[in-house]
Amino acid sequence: ILTTYVPLRGSTPRAVTSCAVMSGLLVPGAALVLNDGTGMLSGAIALGILALGLVQRLSGTSVCG
């Protein structure tokens, strides 16, 4: 998820809005779930959070509507 914010070599960097950054903030959120939780359920929740962020980032949909 975080690497999708790095521009490809030779391309011009695009402006990143605060709404687009929300999918990147899901990465530390998933880390917090893994850190606080125990067992298989916290791993499944963290994986779901990361999948949601990746789908949102790759599809280009905005969190802000």
PDB file of N, CA and C in Angstrom:
ATOM      1  N   ILE A   1       0.839  -1.189   0.000  1.00  0.00           N
ATOM      2  CA  ILE A   1       0.000   0.000   0.000  1.00  0.00           C
ATOM      3  C   ILE A   1       0.877   1.243   0.000  1.00  0.00           C
ATOM      4  N   LEU A   2       1.872   1.240   0.877  1.00  0.00           N
ATOM      5  CA  LEU A   2       2.704   2.429   0.993  1.00  0.00           C
ATOM      6  C   LEU A   2       3.550   2.667  -0.250  1.00  0.00           C
ATOM      7  N   THR A   3       3.952   1.605  -0.936  1.00  0.00           N
ATOM      8  CA  THR A   3       4.770   1.796  -2.135  1.00  0.00           C
ATOM      9  C   THR A   3       3.993   2.384  -3.297  1.00  0.00           C
ATOM     10  N   THR A   4       2.671   2.342  -3.263  1.00  0.00           N
ATOM     11  CA  THR A   4       1.899   2.946  -4.351  1.00  0.00           C
ATOM     12  C   THR A   4       1.958   4.468  -4.301  1.00  0.00           C
ATOM     13  N   TYR A   5       2.425   5.027  -3.201  1.00  0.00           N
ATOM     14  CA  TYR A   5       2.579   6.478  -3.100  1.00  0.00           C
ATOM     15  C   TYR A   5       3.889   6.962  -3.701  1.00  0.00           C
ATOM     16  N   VAL A   6       4.854   6.054  -3.938  1.00  0.00           N
ATOM     17  CA  VAL A   6       6.141   6.427  -4.514  1.00  0.00           C
ATOM     18  C   VAL A   6       5.983   6.496  -6.028  1.00  0.00           C
ATOM     19  N   PRO A   7       6.323   7.643  -6.663  1.00  0.00           N
ATOM     20  CA  PRO A   7       6.171   7.736  -8.117  1.00  0.00           C
ATOM     21  C   PRO A   7       7.181   6.846  -8.847  1.00  0.00           C
ATOM     22  N   LEU A   8       6.780   6.345  -9.999  1.00  0.00           N
ATOM     23  CA  LEU A   8       7.670   5.536 -10.815  1.00  0.00           C
ATOM     24  C   LEU A   8       8.808   6.393 -11.349  1.00  0.00           C
ATOM     25  N   ARG A   9       9.911   5.761 -11.629  1.00  0.00           N
ATOM     26  CA  ARG A   9      11.065   6.480 -12.144  1.00  0.00           C
ATOM     27  C   ARG A   9      10.710   7.137 -13.477  1.00  0.00           C
ATOM     28  N   GLY A  10      10.999   8.420 -13.583  1.00  0.00           N
ATOM     29  CA  GLY A  10      10.741   9.163 -14.805  1.00  0.00           C
ATOM     30  C   GLY A  10       9.375   9.827 -14.847  1.00  0.00           C
ATOM     31  N   SER A  11       8.502   9.505 -13.911  1.00  0.00           N
ATOM     32  CA  SER A  11       7.185  10.138 -13.909  1.00  0.00           C
ATOM     33  C   SER A  11       7.199  11.327 -12.954  1.00  0.00           C
ATOM     34  N   THR A  12       6.259  12.211 -13.170  1.00  0.00           N
ATOM     35  CA  THR A  12       6.182  13.383 -12.307  1.00  0.00           C
ATOM     36  C   THR A  12       5.363  13.040 -11.065  1.00  0.00           C
ATOM     37  N   PRO A  13       5.798  13.496  -9.907  1.00  0.00           N
ATOM     38  CA  PRO A  13       5.032  13.211  -8.691  1.00  0.00           C
ATOM     39  C   PRO A  13       3.676  13.910  -8.712  1.00  0.00           C
ATOM     40  N   ARG A  14       2.658  13.189  -8.282  1.00  0.00           N
ATOM     41  CA  ARG A  14       1.318  13.758  -8.203  1.00  0.00           C
ATOM     42  C   ARG A  14       1.081  14.281  -6.796  1.00  0.00           C
ATOM     43  N   ALA A  15       0.209  15.242  -6.713  1.00  0.00           N
ATOM     44  CA  ALA A  15      -0.169  15.769  -5.404  1.00  0.00           C
ATOM     45  C   ALA A  15      -1.000  14.723  -4.669  1.00  0.00           C
ATOM     46  N   VAL A  16      -0.713  14.527  -3.408  1.00  0.00           N
ATOM     47  CA  VAL A  16      -1.437  13.558  -2.601  1.00  0.00           C
ATOM     48  C   VAL A  16      -2.362  14.316  -1.663  1.00  0.00           C
ATOM     49  N   THR A  17      -3.646  14.039  -1.770  1.00  0.00           N
ATOM     50  CA  THR A  17      -4.624  14.712  -0.925  1.00  0.00           C
ATOM     51  C   THR A  17      -4.750  13.984   0.406  1.00  0.00           C
ATOM     52  N   SER A  18      -5.333  14.650   1.350  1.00  0.00           N
ATOM     53  CA  SER A  18      -5.514  14.027   2.664  1.00  0.00           C
ATOM     54  C   SER A  18      -6.477  12.846   2.591  1.00  0.00           C
ATOM     55  N   CYS A  19      -7.402  12.884   1.659  1.00  0.00           N
ATOM     56  CA  CYS A  19      -8.331  11.764   1.500  1.00  0.00           C
ATOM     57  C   CYS A  19      -7.614  10.529   0.952  1.00  0.00           C
ATOM     58  N   ALA A  20      -6.651  10.741   0.064  1.00  0.00           N
ATOM     59  CA  ALA A  20      -5.922   9.620  -0.520  1.00  0.00           C
ATOM     60  C   ALA A  20      -4.962   8.992   0.472  1.00  0.00           C
ATOM     61  N   VAL A  21      -4.540   9.733   1.457  1.00  0.00           N
ATOM     62  CA  VAL A  21      -3.584   9.229   2.447  1.00  0.00           C
ATOM     63  C   VAL A  21      -4.252   8.257   3.419  1.00  0.00           C
ATOM     64  N   MET A  22      -5.559   8.268   3.489  1.00  0.00           N
ATOM     65  CA  MET A  22      -6.261   7.404   4.436  1.00  0.00           C
ATOM     66  C   MET A  22      -5.942   5.929   4.236  1.00  0.00           C
ATOM     67  N   SER A  23      -5.773   5.475   2.998  1.00  0.00           N
ATOM     68  CA  SER A  23      -5.439   4.064   2.797  1.00  0.00           C
ATOM     69  C   SER A  23      -4.047   3.764   3.313  1.00  0.00           C
ATOM     70  N   GLY A  24      -3.139   4.719   3.247  1.00  0.00           N
ATOM     71  CA  GLY A  24      -1.803   4.525   3.812  1.00  0.00           C
ATOM     72  C   GLY A  24      -1.816   4.477   5.326  1.00  0.00           C
ATOM     73  N   LEU A  25      -2.757   5.175   5.934  1.00  0.00           N
ATOM     74  CA  LEU A  25      -2.860   5.163   7.391  1.00  0.00           C
ATOM     75  C   LEU A  25      -3.443   3.856   7.923  1.00  0.00           C
ATOM     76  N   LEU A  26      -4.006   3.045   7.040  1.00  0.00           N
ATOM     77  CA  LEU A  26      -4.510   1.752   7.476  1.00  0.00           C
ATOM     78  C   LEU A  26      -3.380   0.790   7.816  1.00  0.00           C
ATOM     79  N   VAL A  27      -2.188   1.014   7.257  1.00  0.00           N
ATOM     80  CA  VAL A  27      -1.041   0.149   7.551  1.00  0.00           C
ATOM     81  C   VAL A  27      -0.664   0.236   9.035  1.00  0.00           C
ATOM     82  N   PRO A  28      -0.446   1.450   9.592  1.00  0.00           N
ATOM     83  CA  PRO A  28      -0.186   1.494  11.034  1.00  0.00           C
ATOM     84  C   PRO A  28      -1.384   1.025  11.868  1.00  0.00           C
ATOM     85  N   GLY A  29      -2.583   1.223  11.350  1.00  0.00           N
ATOM     86  CA  GLY A  29      -3.771   0.736  12.054  1.00  0.00           C
ATOM     87  C   GLY A  29      -3.776  -0.783  12.168  1.00  0.00           C
ATOM     88  N   ALA A  30      -3.385  -1.452  11.086  1.00  0.00           N
ATOM     89  CA  ALA A  30      -3.305  -2.914  11.123  1.00  0.00           C
ATOM     90  C   ALA A  30      -2.201  -3.369  12.072  1.00  0.00           C
ATOM     91  N   ALA A  31      -1.104  -2.610  12.120  1.00  0.00           N
ATOM     92  CA  ALA A  31      -0.026  -2.941  13.058  1.00  0.00           C
ATOM     93  C   ALA A  31      -0.501  -2.821  14.502  1.00  0.00           C
ATOM     94  N   LEU A  32      -1.322  -1.818  14.776  1.00  0.00           N
ATOM     95  CA  LEU A  32      -1.864  -1.664  16.129  1.00  0.00           C
ATOM     96  C   LEU A  32      -2.777  -2.827  16.495  1.00  0.00           C
ATOM     97  N   VAL A  33      -3.571  -3.293  15.537  1.00  0.00           N
ATOM     98  CA  VAL A  33      -4.449  -4.438  15.793  1.00  0.00           C
ATOM     99  C   VAL A  33      -3.613  -5.677  16.100  1.00  0.00           C
ATOM    100  N   LEU A  34      -2.528  -5.877  15.343  1.00  0.00           N
ATOM    101  CA  LEU A  34      -1.667  -7.028  15.588  1.00  0.00           C
ATOM    102  C   LEU A  34      -0.945  -6.913  16.925  1.00  0.00           C
ATOM    103  N   ASN A  35      -0.565  -5.707  17.290  1.00  0.00           N
ATOM    104  CA  ASN A  35       0.161  -5.504  18.535  1.00  0.00           C
ATOM    105  C   ASN A  35      -0.740  -5.720  19.752  1.00  0.00           C
ATOM    106  N   ASP A  36      -1.967  -5.256  19.690  1.00  0.00           N
ATOM    107  CA  ASP A  36      -2.871  -5.338  20.834  1.00  0.00           C
ATOM    108  C   ASP A  36      -3.598  -6.670  20.931  1.00  0.00           C
ATOM    109  N   GLY A  37      -3.788  -7.317  19.812  1.00  0.00           N
ATOM    110  CA  GLY A  37      -4.589  -8.537  19.808  1.00  0.00           C
ATOM    111  C   GLY A  37      -3.769  -9.784  20.049  1.00  0.00           C
ATOM    112  N   THR A  38      -4.471 -10.830  20.350  1.00  0.00           N
ATOM    113  CA  THR A  38      -3.854 -12.140  20.506  1.00  0.00           C
ATOM    114  C   THR A  38      -4.664 -13.136  19.700  1.00  0.00           C
ATOM    115  N   GLY A  39      -3.990 -14.098  19.159  1.00  0.00           N
ATOM    116  CA  GLY A  39      -4.678 -15.167  18.455  1.00  0.00           C
ATOM    117  C   GLY A  39      -4.883 -14.898  16.979  1.00  0.00           C
ATOM    118  N   MET A  40      -5.602 -15.797  16.385  1.00  0.00           N
ATOM    119  CA  MET A  40      -5.816 -15.804  14.944  1.00  0.00           C
ATOM    120  C   MET A  40      -6.779 -14.707  14.502  1.00  0.00           C
ATOM    121  N   LEU A  41      -7.719 -14.324  15.357  1.00  0.00           N
ATOM    122  CA  LEU A  41      -8.713 -13.334  14.974  1.00  0.00           C
ATOM    123  C   LEU A  41      -8.084 -11.973  14.703  1.00  0.00           C
ATOM    124  N   SER A  42      -7.132 -11.567  15.521  1.00  0.00           N
ATOM    125  CA  SER A  42      -6.491 -10.267  15.293  1.00  0.00           C
ATOM    126  C   SER A  42      -5.703 -10.275  13.990  1.00  0.00           C
ATOM    127  N   GLY A  43      -5.098 -11.394  13.633  1.00  0.00           N
ATOM    128  CA  GLY A  43      -4.398 -11.507  12.357  1.00  0.00           C
ATOM    129  C   GLY A  43      -5.349 -11.403  11.180  1.00  0.00           C
ATOM    130  N   ALA A  44      -6.510 -12.023  11.309  1.00  0.00           N
ATOM    131  CA  ALA A  44      -7.509 -11.967  10.243  1.00  0.00           C
ATOM    132  C   ALA A  44      -8.069 -10.556  10.092  1.00  0.00           C
ATOM    133  N   ILE A  45      -8.283  -9.873  11.207  1.00  0.00           N
ATOM    134  CA  ILE A  45      -8.774  -8.495  11.152  1.00  0.00           C
ATOM    135  C   ILE A  45      -7.738  -7.581  10.522  1.00  0.00           C
ATOM    136  N   ALA A  46      -6.466  -7.747  10.907  1.00  0.00           N
ATOM    137  CA  ALA A  46      -5.397  -6.928  10.329  1.00  0.00           C
ATOM    138  C   ALA A  46      -5.265  -7.181   8.832  1.00  0.00           C
ATOM    139  N   LEU A  47      -5.366  -8.416   8.417  1.00  0.00           N
ATOM    140  CA  LEU A  47      -5.304  -8.739   6.989  1.00  0.00           C
ATOM    141  C   LEU A  47      -6.482  -8.134   6.244  1.00  0.00           C
ATOM    142  N   GLY A  48      -7.655  -8.146   6.841  1.00  0.00           N
ATOM    143  CA  GLY A  48      -8.823  -7.515   6.230  1.00  0.00           C
ATOM    144  C   GLY A  48      -8.656  -6.015   6.097  1.00  0.00           C
ATOM    145  N   ILE A  49      -8.069  -5.387   7.121  1.00  0.00           N
ATOM    146  CA  ILE A  49      -7.820  -3.948   7.061  1.00  0.00           C
ATOM    147  C   ILE A  49      -6.859  -3.628   5.923  1.00  0.00           C
ATOM    148  N   LEU A  50      -5.789  -4.404   5.800  1.00  0.00           N
ATOM    149  CA  LEU A  50      -4.828  -4.166   4.728  1.00  0.00           C
ATOM    150  C   LEU A  50      -5.435  -4.411   3.349  1.00  0.00           C
ATOM    151  N   ALA A  51      -6.262  -5.434   3.224  1.00  0.00           N
ATOM    152  CA  ALA A  51      -6.913  -5.704   1.944  1.00  0.00           C
ATOM    153  C   ALA A  51      -7.847  -4.565   1.562  1.00  0.00           C
ATOM    154  N   LEU A  52      -8.580  -4.052   2.537  1.00  0.00           N
ATOM    155  CA  LEU A  52      -9.468  -2.923   2.283  1.00  0.00           C
ATOM    156  C   LEU A  52      -8.674  -1.697   1.810  1.00  0.00           C
ATOM    157  N   GLY A  53      -7.563  -1.419   2.462  1.00  0.00           N
ATOM    158  CA  GLY A  53      -6.728  -0.285   2.068  1.00  0.00           C
ATOM    159  C   GLY A  53      -6.135  -0.450   0.689  1.00  0.00           C
ATOM    160  N   LEU A  54      -5.697  -1.667   0.360  1.00  0.00           N
ATOM    161  CA  LEU A  54      -5.109  -1.904  -0.960  1.00  0.00           C
ATOM    162  C   LEU A  54      -6.151  -1.774  -2.060  1.00  0.00           C
ATOM    163  N   VAL A  55      -7.325  -2.314  -1.848  1.00  0.00           N
ATOM    164  CA  VAL A  55      -8.397  -2.199  -2.843  1.00  0.00           C
ATOM    165  C   VAL A  55      -8.780  -0.738  -3.035  1.00  0.00           C
ATOM    166  N   GLN A  56      -8.880  -0.012  -1.933  1.00  0.00           N
ATOM    167  CA  GLN A  56      -9.241   1.407  -2.021  1.00  0.00           C
ATOM    168  C   GLN A  56      -8.173   2.195  -2.756  1.00  0.00           C
ATOM    169  N   ARG A  57      -6.914   1.896  -2.497  1.00  0.00           N
ATOM    170  CA  ARG A  57      -5.814   2.628  -3.138  1.00  0.00           C
ATOM    171  C   ARG A  57      -5.718   2.291  -4.624  1.00  0.00           C
ATOM    172  N   LEU A  58      -5.827   1.036  -4.980  1.00  0.00           N
ATOM    173  CA  LEU A  58      -5.681   0.633  -6.385  1.00  0.00           C
ATOM    174  C   LEU A  58      -6.897   0.990  -7.231  1.00  0.00           C
ATOM    175  N   SER A  59      -8.078   1.028  -6.623  1.00  0.00           N
ATOM    176  CA  SER A  59      -9.272   1.367  -7.390  1.00  0.00           C
ATOM    177  C   SER A  59      -9.404   2.873  -7.616  1.00  0.00           C
ATOM    178  N   GLY A  60      -8.712   3.650  -6.794  1.00  0.00           N
ATOM    179  CA  GLY A  60      -8.743   5.094  -6.971  1.00  0.00           C
ATOM    180  C   GLY A  60      -9.946   5.769  -6.341  1.00  0.00           C
ATOM    181  N   THR A  61     -10.729   5.016  -5.591  1.00  0.00           N
ATOM    182  CA  THR A  61     -11.881   5.625  -4.928  1.00  0.00           C
ATOM    183  C   THR A  61     -11.401   6.476  -3.762  1.00  0.00           C
ATOM    184  N   SER A  62     -12.147   7.502  -3.469  1.00  0.00           N
ATOM    185  CA  SER A  62     -11.766   8.429  -2.420  1.00  0.00           C
ATOM    186  C   SER A  62     -12.524   8.121  -1.141  1.00  0.00           C
ATOM    187  N   VAL A  63     -11.866   8.288  -0.033  1.00  0.00           N
ATOM    188  CA  VAL A  63     -12.504   8.096   1.265  1.00  0.00           C
ATOM    189  C   VAL A  63     -13.481   9.228   1.539  1.00  0.00           C
ATOM    190  N   CYS A  64     -13.197  10.385   0.984  1.00  0.00           N
ATOM    191  CA  CYS A  64     -14.013  11.560   1.265  1.00  0.00           C
ATOM    192  C   CYS A  64     -15.307  11.622   0.460  1.00  0.00           C
ATOM    193  N   GLY A  65     -15.508  10.688  -0.425  1.00  0.00           N
ATOM    194  CA  GLY A  65     -16.781  10.679  -1.146  1.00  0.00           C
ATOM    195  C   GLY A  65     -16.721  11.029  -2.519  1.00  0.00           C
TER     196      GLY A  65
END
